[in-house]
Amino acid sequence: MKGKWAQGIVPRNFTWVIKDRLAVSERPGGYGDSHRRVRRQEEIIWIRQQGFTSIVSLLASPHNLHAYGELQVPYQHLPFGLHDEPRSVLSTLYPDMRRQLADGAKLLVHQDEVGDRLHGTIAGYLVFSNLVPESTRAIAMSEQLLSRQLGPSGRELVALARVLADEAAA
């Protein structure tokens, strides 16, 4: 591949949460009826070209994992669907993300879409990691970064992150 196509294309709704360290996007290639295999490949190429250490997939299903492997992009899969217990998932995810980022990793976290589940998870990480210890500030900051309001289910995840952070500090 040569030229601009060798660089791939930016995943939809890609946003840096921590510049050059932690980002979010929707599922590479899209989701549902809008999913396109060629787009997925181009977006994964872009992710690889940007030097991401790992993709953190929070999809409930293993969709896309084979494509990450085929294109030699390291990934982690921690299912966080609507029926998964938030405390169980976040108590694993947050310490792991904190460790990886402290070690210099560059992470891209995604779900099918950048909705309340992913938005709340990321705002919660800001609280858990003590980057933005106040929940209301973390919510406001994430709303500004992601250009969307955080709904009640996402706010519950941020509140849970505060509890998990307090438990980890005790």
N, C-alpha and C. Protein backbone atom coordinates (compact mmCIF):
# COMPACT_ATOMS: atom_id res chain seq x y z
N MET A 1 0.83 -1.19 0.00
CA MET A 1 0.00 0.00 0.00
C MET A 1 0.87 1.24 0.00
N LYS A 2 0.43 2.24 -0.73
CA LYS A 2 1.17 3.48 -0.79
C LYS A 2 0.23 4.66 -0.57
N GLY A 3 0.82 5.80 -0.26
CA GLY A 3 0.05 7.02 -0.13
C GLY A 3 -0.87 7.04 1.06
N LYS A 4 -1.95 7.84 0.91
CA LYS A 4 -2.84 8.04 2.05
C LYS A 4 -3.54 6.77 2.48
N TRP A 5 -3.76 5.81 1.57
CA TRP A 5 -4.45 4.58 1.95
C TRP A 5 -3.61 3.71 2.87
N ALA A 6 -2.29 3.88 2.81
CA ALA A 6 -1.42 3.12 3.71
C ALA A 6 -1.60 3.57 5.15
N GLN A 7 -2.14 4.76 5.33
CA GLN A 7 -2.35 5.30 6.68
C GLN A 7 -3.68 4.89 7.28
N GLY A 8 -4.59 4.34 6.47
CA GLY A 8 -5.90 3.95 6.98
C GLY A 8 -6.80 5.16 7.17
N ILE A 9 -7.94 4.93 7.85
CA ILE A 9 -8.87 6.03 8.13
C ILE A 9 -9.21 6.05 9.62
N VAL A 10 -9.49 7.24 10.12
CA VAL A 10 -9.79 7.43 11.54
C VAL A 10 -11.12 6.77 11.89
N PRO A 11 -11.18 5.99 12.97
CA PRO A 11 -12.45 5.38 13.38
C PRO A 11 -13.49 6.46 13.71
N ARG A 12 -14.75 6.12 13.48
CA ARG A 12 -15.82 7.06 13.77
C ARG A 12 -15.86 7.40 15.25
N ASN A 13 -16.14 8.65 15.52
CA ASN A 13 -16.25 9.18 16.88
C ASN A 13 -14.97 8.97 17.69
N PHE A 14 -13.83 8.98 17.01
CA PHE A 14 -12.55 8.87 17.69
C PHE A 14 -12.30 10.15 18.47
N THR A 15 -11.94 10.00 19.75
CA THR A 15 -11.65 11.16 20.61
C THR A 15 -10.55 10.80 21.59
N TRP A 16 -9.59 11.70 21.72
CA TRP A 16 -8.57 11.54 22.76
C TRP A 16 -9.18 11.94 24.09
N VAL A 17 -9.03 11.10 25.09
CA VAL A 17 -9.45 11.42 26.46
C VAL A 17 -8.23 11.94 27.21
N ILE A 18 -7.10 11.28 27.02
CA ILE A 18 -5.80 11.73 27.51
C ILE A 18 -4.91 11.77 26.27
N LYS A 19 -4.52 12.95 25.85
CA LYS A 19 -3.81 13.14 24.59
C LYS A 19 -2.65 12.16 24.41
N ASP A 20 -2.68 11.45 23.29
CA ASP A 20 -1.65 10.48 22.90
C ASP A 20 -1.49 9.31 23.86
N ARG A 21 -2.48 9.07 24.72
CA ARG A 21 -2.39 7.96 25.69
C ARG A 21 -3.66 7.12 25.74
N LEU A 22 -4.82 7.77 25.81
CA LEU A 22 -6.10 7.07 25.99
C LEU A 22 -7.14 7.70 25.08
N ALA A 23 -7.76 6.85 24.25
CA ALA A 23 -8.77 7.34 23.31
C ALA A 23 -9.97 6.40 23.31
N VAL A 24 -11.08 6.91 22.78
CA VAL A 24 -12.29 6.10 22.60
C VAL A 24 -12.76 6.24 21.17
N SER A 25 -13.52 5.26 20.72
CA SER A 25 -14.17 5.34 19.42
C SER A 25 -15.29 4.32 19.39
N GLU A 26 -16.08 4.39 18.32
CA GLU A 26 -17.04 3.32 18.12
C GLU A 26 -16.30 2.12 17.55
N ARG A 27 -16.95 1.01 17.47
CA ARG A 27 -16.34 -0.22 16.97
C ARG A 27 -15.76 0.01 15.57
N PRO A 28 -14.48 -0.32 15.36
CA PRO A 28 -13.91 -0.16 14.02
C PRO A 28 -14.75 -0.90 12.98
N GLY A 29 -15.11 -0.17 11.93
CA GLY A 29 -15.96 -0.73 10.88
C GLY A 29 -17.42 -0.42 11.08
N GLY A 30 -17.78 0.14 12.22
CA GLY A 30 -19.18 0.43 12.50
C GLY A 30 -19.86 -0.74 13.19
N TYR A 31 -21.14 -0.62 13.38
CA TYR A 31 -21.89 -1.68 14.05
C TYR A 31 -23.26 -1.82 13.40
N GLY A 32 -23.88 -2.97 13.63
CA GLY A 32 -25.21 -3.22 13.08
C GLY A 32 -25.19 -3.18 11.56
N ASP A 33 -26.24 -2.60 11.00
CA ASP A 33 -26.37 -2.53 9.54
C ASP A 33 -25.31 -1.65 8.89
N SER A 34 -24.70 -0.76 9.65
CA SER A 34 -23.69 0.14 9.07
C SER A 34 -22.28 -0.45 9.09
N HIS A 35 -22.11 -1.68 9.62
CA HIS A 35 -20.77 -2.28 9.68
C HIS A 35 -20.28 -2.62 8.27
N ARG A 36 -19.05 -2.23 7.99
CA ARG A 36 -18.44 -2.52 6.69
C ARG A 36 -17.06 -3.12 6.91
N ARG A 37 -16.82 -4.28 6.31
CA ARG A 37 -15.55 -4.99 6.47
C ARG A 37 -14.37 -4.16 5.98
N VAL A 38 -14.49 -3.53 4.83
CA VAL A 38 -13.39 -2.74 4.27
C VAL A 38 -13.10 -1.54 5.17
N ARG A 39 -14.16 -0.90 5.64
CA ARG A 39 -13.96 0.23 6.56
C ARG A 39 -13.27 -0.25 7.84
N ARG A 40 -13.69 -1.41 8.35
CA ARG A 40 -13.06 -1.96 9.56
C ARG A 40 -11.57 -2.14 9.34
N GLN A 41 -11.21 -2.72 8.20
CA GLN A 41 -9.79 -2.95 7.91
C GLN A 41 -9.03 -1.63 7.84
N GLU A 42 -9.59 -0.63 7.17
CA GLU A 42 -8.92 0.66 7.05
C GLU A 42 -8.76 1.35 8.40
N GLU A 43 -9.78 1.22 9.25
CA GLU A 43 -9.70 1.84 10.57
C GLU A 43 -8.69 1.12 11.46
N ILE A 44 -8.61 -0.20 11.36
CA ILE A 44 -7.62 -0.94 12.15
C ILE A 44 -6.21 -0.61 11.67
N ILE A 45 -6.04 -0.44 10.38
CA ILE A 45 -4.73 -0.02 9.85
C ILE A 45 -4.35 1.34 10.45
N TRP A 46 -5.30 2.26 10.49
CA TRP A 46 -5.02 3.58 11.08
C TRP A 46 -4.62 3.44 12.54
N ILE A 47 -5.34 2.62 13.29
CA ILE A 47 -5.02 2.39 14.71
C ILE A 47 -3.60 1.86 14.85
N ARG A 48 -3.25 0.89 14.01
CA ARG A 48 -1.89 0.33 14.05
C ARG A 48 -0.85 1.39 13.70
N GLN A 49 -1.13 2.19 12.68
CA GLN A 49 -0.18 3.22 12.24
C GLN A 49 0.02 4.30 13.30
N GLN A 50 -0.97 4.50 14.16
CA GLN A 50 -0.86 5.52 15.21
C GLN A 50 -0.07 5.01 16.42
N GLY A 51 0.29 3.74 16.42
CA GLY A 51 1.12 3.20 17.48
C GLY A 51 0.39 2.83 18.76
N PHE A 52 -0.90 2.51 18.65
CA PHE A 52 -1.62 2.09 19.85
C PHE A 52 -1.04 0.78 20.36
N THR A 53 -0.82 0.71 21.64
CA THR A 53 -0.28 -0.48 22.28
C THR A 53 -1.31 -1.60 22.28
N SER A 54 -2.58 -1.22 22.47
CA SER A 54 -3.64 -2.22 22.54
C SER A 54 -5.00 -1.58 22.30
N ILE A 55 -5.88 -2.37 21.71
CA ILE A 55 -7.29 -2.02 21.62
C ILE A 55 -7.97 -2.73 22.78
N VAL A 56 -8.79 -2.01 23.52
CA VAL A 56 -9.56 -2.60 24.61
C VAL A 56 -11.01 -2.65 24.14
N SER A 57 -11.46 -3.86 23.79
CA SER A 57 -12.82 -4.04 23.31
C SER A 57 -13.74 -4.36 24.47
N LEU A 58 -14.77 -3.55 24.63
CA LEU A 58 -15.77 -3.79 25.67
C LEU A 58 -17.05 -4.39 25.08
N LEU A 59 -16.96 -4.84 23.83
CA LEU A 59 -18.13 -5.46 23.19
C LEU A 59 -18.55 -6.70 23.96
N ALA A 60 -19.85 -6.93 24.02
CA ALA A 60 -20.36 -8.13 24.69
C ALA A 60 -19.98 -9.38 23.90
N SER A 61 -19.80 -9.23 22.59
CA SER A 61 -19.46 -10.36 21.72
C SER A 61 -18.01 -10.25 21.25
N PRO A 62 -17.48 -11.32 20.65
CA PRO A 62 -16.09 -11.27 20.18
C PRO A 62 -15.92 -10.65 18.79
N HIS A 63 -16.91 -9.90 18.30
CA HIS A 63 -16.80 -9.27 16.98
C HIS A 63 -15.52 -8.45 16.89
N ASN A 64 -14.89 -8.50 15.73
CA ASN A 64 -13.67 -7.75 15.39
C ASN A 64 -12.38 -8.36 15.93
N LEU A 65 -12.44 -9.23 16.93
CA LEU A 65 -11.20 -9.73 17.53
C LEU A 65 -10.34 -10.45 16.50
N HIS A 66 -10.97 -11.24 15.62
CA HIS A 66 -10.21 -11.94 14.58
C HIS A 66 -9.51 -10.95 13.65
N ALA A 67 -10.17 -9.83 13.36
CA ALA A 67 -9.58 -8.83 12.47
C ALA A 67 -8.38 -8.16 13.13
N TYR A 68 -8.44 -7.92 14.43
CA TYR A 68 -7.29 -7.34 15.13
C TYR A 68 -6.11 -8.29 15.03
N GLY A 69 -6.37 -9.57 15.25
CA GLY A 69 -5.31 -10.57 15.16
C GLY A 69 -4.72 -10.66 13.77
N GLU A 70 -5.59 -10.68 12.75
CA GLU A 70 -5.12 -10.77 11.36
C GLU A 70 -4.23 -9.59 10.99
N LEU A 71 -4.55 -8.41 11.50
CA LEU A 71 -3.77 -7.21 11.18
C LEU A 71 -2.70 -6.91 12.22
N GLN A 72 -2.46 -7.87 13.10
CA GLN A 72 -1.39 -7.81 14.10
C GLN A 72 -1.49 -6.58 15.00
N VAL A 73 -2.71 -6.33 15.47
CA VAL A 73 -2.93 -5.25 16.44
C VAL A 73 -3.28 -5.91 17.77
N PRO A 74 -2.48 -5.69 18.80
CA PRO A 74 -2.77 -6.30 20.11
C PRO A 74 -4.13 -5.81 20.63
N TYR A 75 -4.83 -6.71 21.29
CA TYR A 75 -6.14 -6.35 21.82
C TYR A 75 -6.39 -7.07 23.13
N GLN A 76 -7.34 -6.52 23.87
CA GLN A 76 -7.86 -7.13 25.09
C GLN A 76 -9.37 -7.11 24.95
N HIS A 77 -10.01 -8.17 25.39
CA HIS A 77 -11.47 -8.23 25.32
C HIS A 77 -12.03 -8.39 26.72
N LEU A 78 -12.75 -7.40 27.17
CA LEU A 78 -13.41 -7.45 28.46
C LEU A 78 -14.88 -7.11 28.22
N PRO A 79 -15.71 -8.15 28.01
CA PRO A 79 -17.12 -7.90 27.68
C PRO A 79 -17.82 -7.05 28.73
N PHE A 80 -18.50 -6.01 28.26
CA PHE A 80 -19.25 -5.13 29.15
C PHE A 80 -20.57 -4.76 28.47
N GLY A 81 -21.40 -5.78 28.33
CA GLY A 81 -22.71 -5.59 27.72
C GLY A 81 -23.73 -5.12 28.73
N LEU A 82 -24.95 -4.96 28.27
CA LEU A 82 -26.03 -4.46 29.12
C LEU A 82 -26.33 -5.37 30.31
N HIS A 83 -26.04 -6.65 30.17
CA HIS A 83 -26.36 -7.60 31.23
C HIS A 83 -25.15 -7.98 32.09
N ASP A 84 -24.01 -7.38 31.81
CA ASP A 84 -22.81 -7.66 32.62
C ASP A 84 -22.83 -6.77 33.86
N GLU A 85 -22.33 -7.32 34.96
CA GLU A 85 -22.31 -6.62 36.24
C GLU A 85 -21.22 -5.54 36.22
N PRO A 86 -21.60 -4.25 36.29
CA PRO A 86 -20.62 -3.17 36.22
C PRO A 86 -19.50 -3.27 37.25
N ARG A 87 -19.82 -3.60 38.49
CA ARG A 87 -18.78 -3.66 39.53
C ARG A 87 -17.71 -4.69 39.15
N SER A 88 -18.14 -5.83 38.67
CA SER A 88 -17.21 -6.89 38.30
C SER A 88 -16.29 -6.45 37.16
N VAL A 89 -16.88 -5.87 36.13
CA VAL A 89 -16.10 -5.45 34.96
C VAL A 89 -15.17 -4.29 35.30
N LEU A 90 -15.70 -3.25 35.93
CA LEU A 90 -14.89 -2.06 36.20
C LEU A 90 -13.81 -2.30 37.24
N SER A 91 -14.06 -3.20 38.19
CA SER A 91 -13.03 -3.48 39.19
C SER A 91 -11.85 -4.23 38.57
N THR A 92 -12.04 -4.81 37.41
CA THR A 92 -10.95 -5.43 36.65
C THR A 92 -10.34 -4.43 35.67
N LEU A 93 -11.22 -3.74 34.93
CA LEU A 93 -10.79 -2.82 33.87
C LEU A 93 -9.96 -1.65 34.40
N TYR A 94 -10.45 -0.95 35.40
CA TYR A 94 -9.79 0.28 35.84
C TYR A 94 -8.36 0.06 36.36
N PRO A 95 -8.13 -0.90 37.25
CA PRO A 95 -6.73 -1.10 37.68
C PRO A 95 -5.82 -1.52 36.53
N ASP A 96 -6.36 -2.31 35.60
CA ASP A 96 -5.55 -2.75 34.46
C ASP A 96 -5.21 -1.56 33.56
N MET A 97 -6.18 -0.71 33.29
CA MET A 97 -5.91 0.48 32.48
C MET A 97 -4.89 1.38 33.17
N ARG A 98 -5.06 1.58 34.47
CA ARG A 98 -4.13 2.45 35.21
C ARG A 98 -2.71 1.89 35.13
N ARG A 99 -2.56 0.58 35.29
CA ARG A 99 -1.24 -0.05 35.22
C ARG A 99 -0.64 0.12 33.82
N GLN A 100 -1.43 -0.17 32.80
CA GLN A 100 -0.91 -0.07 31.43
C GLN A 100 -0.52 1.37 31.08
N LEU A 101 -1.36 2.32 31.43
CA LEU A 101 -1.05 3.72 31.13
C LEU A 101 0.18 4.19 31.90
N ALA A 102 0.33 3.74 33.14
CA ALA A 102 1.52 4.08 33.94
C ALA A 102 2.78 3.50 33.31
N ASP A 103 2.63 2.37 32.61
CA ASP A 103 3.76 1.74 31.93
C ASP A 103 4.02 2.33 30.54
N GLY A 104 3.28 3.38 30.18
CA GLY A 104 3.50 4.05 28.90
C GLY A 104 2.65 3.56 27.75
N ALA A 105 1.64 2.76 28.03
CA ALA A 105 0.78 2.23 26.97
C ALA A 105 -0.05 3.34 26.33
N LYS A 106 -0.48 3.05 25.12
CA LYS A 106 -1.37 3.93 24.36
C LYS A 106 -2.59 3.08 24.03
N LEU A 107 -3.74 3.37 24.65
CA LEU A 107 -4.92 2.51 24.57
C LEU A 107 -6.07 3.16 23.80
N LEU A 108 -6.78 2.33 23.03
CA LEU A 108 -8.03 2.72 22.40
C LEU A 108 -9.12 1.83 22.97
N VAL A 109 -10.11 2.42 23.62
CA VAL A 109 -11.21 1.67 24.21
C VAL A 109 -12.44 1.87 23.33
N HIS A 110 -13.14 0.78 23.02
CA HIS A 110 -14.34 0.92 22.20
C HIS A 110 -15.45 -0.02 22.62
N GLN A 111 -16.66 0.37 22.24
CA GLN A 111 -17.85 -0.48 22.24
C GLN A 111 -18.47 -0.27 20.87
N ASP A 112 -19.67 -0.81 20.65
CA ASP A 112 -20.31 -0.62 19.35
C ASP A 112 -20.41 0.87 19.00
N GLU A 113 -20.86 1.65 19.97
CA GLU A 113 -21.02 3.08 19.76
C GLU A 113 -20.49 3.83 20.98
N VAL A 114 -20.28 5.11 20.80
CA VAL A 114 -19.88 5.94 21.93
C VAL A 114 -21.19 6.42 22.58
N GLY A 115 -21.75 5.53 23.41
CA GLY A 115 -22.99 5.81 24.12
C GLY A 115 -22.73 5.94 25.60
N ASP A 116 -23.80 5.91 26.39
CA ASP A 116 -23.66 6.10 27.84
C ASP A 116 -22.76 5.07 28.51
N ARG A 117 -22.78 3.83 28.04
CA ARG A 117 -21.97 2.78 28.67
C ARG A 117 -20.48 3.10 28.55
N LEU A 118 -20.03 3.39 27.33
CA LEU A 118 -18.61 3.72 27.11
C LEU A 118 -18.27 5.08 27.71
N HIS A 119 -19.14 6.04 27.51
CA HIS A 119 -18.92 7.39 28.04
C HIS A 119 -18.79 7.35 29.56
N GLY A 120 -19.71 6.67 30.23
CA GLY A 120 -19.65 6.56 31.68
C GLY A 120 -18.43 5.81 32.16
N THR A 121 -18.03 4.78 31.41
CA THR A 121 -16.84 4.01 31.76
C THR A 121 -15.60 4.91 31.72
N ILE A 122 -15.49 5.72 30.70
CA ILE A 122 -14.32 6.58 30.55
C ILE A 122 -14.34 7.72 31.57
N ALA A 123 -15.48 8.34 31.79
CA ALA A 123 -15.57 9.38 32.83
C ALA A 123 -15.26 8.77 34.18
N GLY A 124 -15.73 7.55 34.40
CA GLY A 124 -15.43 6.85 35.65
C GLY A 124 -13.94 6.58 35.80
N TYR A 125 -13.27 6.27 34.70
CA TYR A 125 -11.82 6.04 34.79
C TYR A 125 -11.10 7.30 35.26
N LEU A 126 -11.54 8.45 34.79
CA LEU A 126 -10.92 9.71 35.22
C LEU A 126 -11.04 9.88 36.73
N VAL A 127 -12.18 9.45 37.28
CA VAL A 127 -12.39 9.52 38.73
C VAL A 127 -11.55 8.47 39.43
N PHE A 128 -11.63 7.22 38.96
CA PHE A 128 -10.92 6.11 39.59
C PHE A 128 -9.41 6.37 39.65
N SER A 129 -8.86 6.87 38.56
CA SER A 129 -7.41 7.09 38.48
C SER A 129 -6.97 8.37 39.19
N ASN A 130 -7.93 9.12 39.69
CA ASN A 130 -7.66 10.37 40.41
C ASN A 130 -7.14 11.47 39.49
N LEU A 131 -7.32 11.30 38.18
CA LEU A 131 -6.97 12.37 37.24
C LEU A 131 -7.94 13.53 37.40
N VAL A 132 -9.21 13.19 37.61
CA VAL A 132 -10.25 14.17 37.88
C VAL A 132 -11.08 13.58 39.03
N PRO A 133 -10.65 13.79 40.27
CA PRO A 133 -11.26 13.08 41.40
C PRO A 133 -12.73 13.42 41.68
N GLU A 134 -13.17 14.59 41.27
CA GLU A 134 -14.56 14.99 41.52
C GLU A 134 -15.45 14.47 40.39
N SER A 135 -16.45 13.70 40.75
CA SER A 135 -17.34 13.09 39.76
C SER A 135 -18.00 14.12 38.85
N THR A 136 -18.48 15.21 39.42
CA THR A 136 -19.16 16.22 38.60
C THR A 136 -18.21 16.85 37.58
N ARG A 137 -16.97 17.07 37.96
CA ARG A 137 -15.98 17.63 37.01
C ARG A 137 -15.63 16.61 35.94
N ALA A 138 -15.50 15.33 36.33
CA ALA A 138 -15.19 14.28 35.35
C ALA A 138 -16.32 14.15 34.34
N ILE A 139 -17.55 14.23 34.81
CA ILE A 139 -18.70 14.16 33.90
C ILE A 139 -18.69 15.35 32.95
N ALA A 140 -18.52 16.55 33.48
CA ALA A 140 -18.50 17.75 32.64
C ALA A 140 -17.36 17.70 31.62
N MET A 141 -16.20 17.27 32.06
CA MET A 141 -15.05 17.18 31.17
C MET A 141 -15.30 16.15 30.06
N SER A 142 -15.83 14.99 30.42
CA SER A 142 -16.09 13.96 29.41
C SER A 142 -17.18 14.40 28.45
N GLU A 143 -18.18 15.12 28.94
CA GLU A 143 -19.23 15.63 28.05
C GLU A 143 -18.65 16.60 27.04
N GLN A 144 -17.72 17.42 27.48
CA GLN A 144 -17.09 18.37 26.56
C GLN A 144 -16.20 17.63 25.55
N LEU A 145 -15.42 16.67 26.02
CA LEU A 145 -14.54 15.91 25.12
C LEU A 145 -15.31 15.12 24.08
N LEU A 146 -16.39 14.45 24.52
CA LEU A 146 -17.14 13.56 23.63
C LEU A 146 -18.30 14.25 22.93
N SER A 147 -18.51 15.53 23.24
CA SER A 147 -19.57 16.33 22.61
C SER A 147 -20.95 15.68 22.73
N ARG A 148 -21.22 15.14 23.90
CA ARG A 148 -22.54 14.54 24.16
C ARG A 148 -22.80 14.55 25.65
N GLN A 149 -24.08 14.60 26.01
CA GLN A 149 -24.43 14.56 27.42
C GLN A 149 -24.38 13.13 27.93
N LEU A 150 -24.03 12.98 29.18
CA LEU A 150 -24.00 11.67 29.82
C LEU A 150 -25.33 11.44 30.51
N GLY A 151 -25.98 10.34 30.15
CA GLY A 151 -27.29 10.02 30.72
C GLY A 151 -27.18 9.34 32.07
N PRO A 152 -28.34 9.00 32.66
CA PRO A 152 -28.38 8.41 34.00
C PRO A 152 -27.57 7.12 34.14
N SER A 153 -27.63 6.24 33.17
CA SER A 153 -26.88 4.97 33.30
C SER A 153 -25.38 5.22 33.29
N GLY A 154 -24.91 6.19 32.51
CA GLY A 154 -23.50 6.53 32.51
C GLY A 154 -23.07 7.19 33.81
N ARG A 155 -23.94 8.02 34.37
CA ARG A 155 -23.65 8.68 35.64
C ARG A 155 -23.54 7.67 36.77
N GLU A 156 -24.33 6.59 36.69
CA GLU A 156 -24.23 5.53 37.69
C GLU A 156 -22.85 4.87 37.65
N LEU A 157 -22.29 4.73 36.45
CA LEU A 157 -20.95 4.15 36.32
C LEU A 157 -19.90 5.06 36.95
N VAL A 158 -20.08 6.36 36.80
CA VAL A 158 -19.14 7.31 37.40
C VAL A 158 -19.23 7.23 38.93
N ALA A 159 -20.45 7.12 39.44
CA ALA A 159 -20.63 6.99 40.90
C ALA A 159 -19.98 5.70 41.40
N LEU A 160 -20.13 4.63 40.65
CA LEU A 160 -19.50 3.36 41.01
C LEU A 160 -17.97 3.49 41.00
N ALA A 161 -17.45 4.22 40.02
CA ALA A 161 -15.99 4.42 39.95
C ALA A 161 -15.48 5.12 41.20
N ARG A 162 -16.25 6.06 41.72
CA ARG A 162 -15.84 6.75 42.96
C ARG A 162 -15.76 5.75 44.11
N VAL A 163 -16.75 4.85 44.20
CA VAL A 163 -16.77 3.82 45.25
C VAL A 163 -15.56 2.90 45.08
N LEU A 164 -15.30 2.46 43.85
CA LEU A 164 -14.16 1.57 43.59
C LEU A 164 -12.84 2.26 43.93
N ALA A 165 -12.72 3.54 43.62
CA ALA A 165 -11.50 4.28 43.95
C ALA A 165 -11.30 4.37 45.45
N ASP A 166 -12.39 4.64 46.17
CA ASP A 166 -12.30 4.72 47.63
C ASP A 166 -11.93 3.37 48.24
N GLU A 167 -12.50 2.29 47.70
CA GLU A 167 -12.17 0.94 48.19
C GLU A 167 -10.71 0.60 47.91
N ALA A 168 -10.22 0.99 46.73
CA ALA A 168 -8.82 0.70 46.37
C ALA A 168 -7.85 1.48 47.26
N ALA A 169 -8.26 2.67 47.68
CA ALA A 169 -7.39 3.51 48.52
C ALA A 169 -7.39 3.06 49.98
N ALA A 170 -8.43 2.33 50.38
CA ALA A 170 -8.55 1.92 51.80
C ALA A 170 -7.59 0.80 52.16
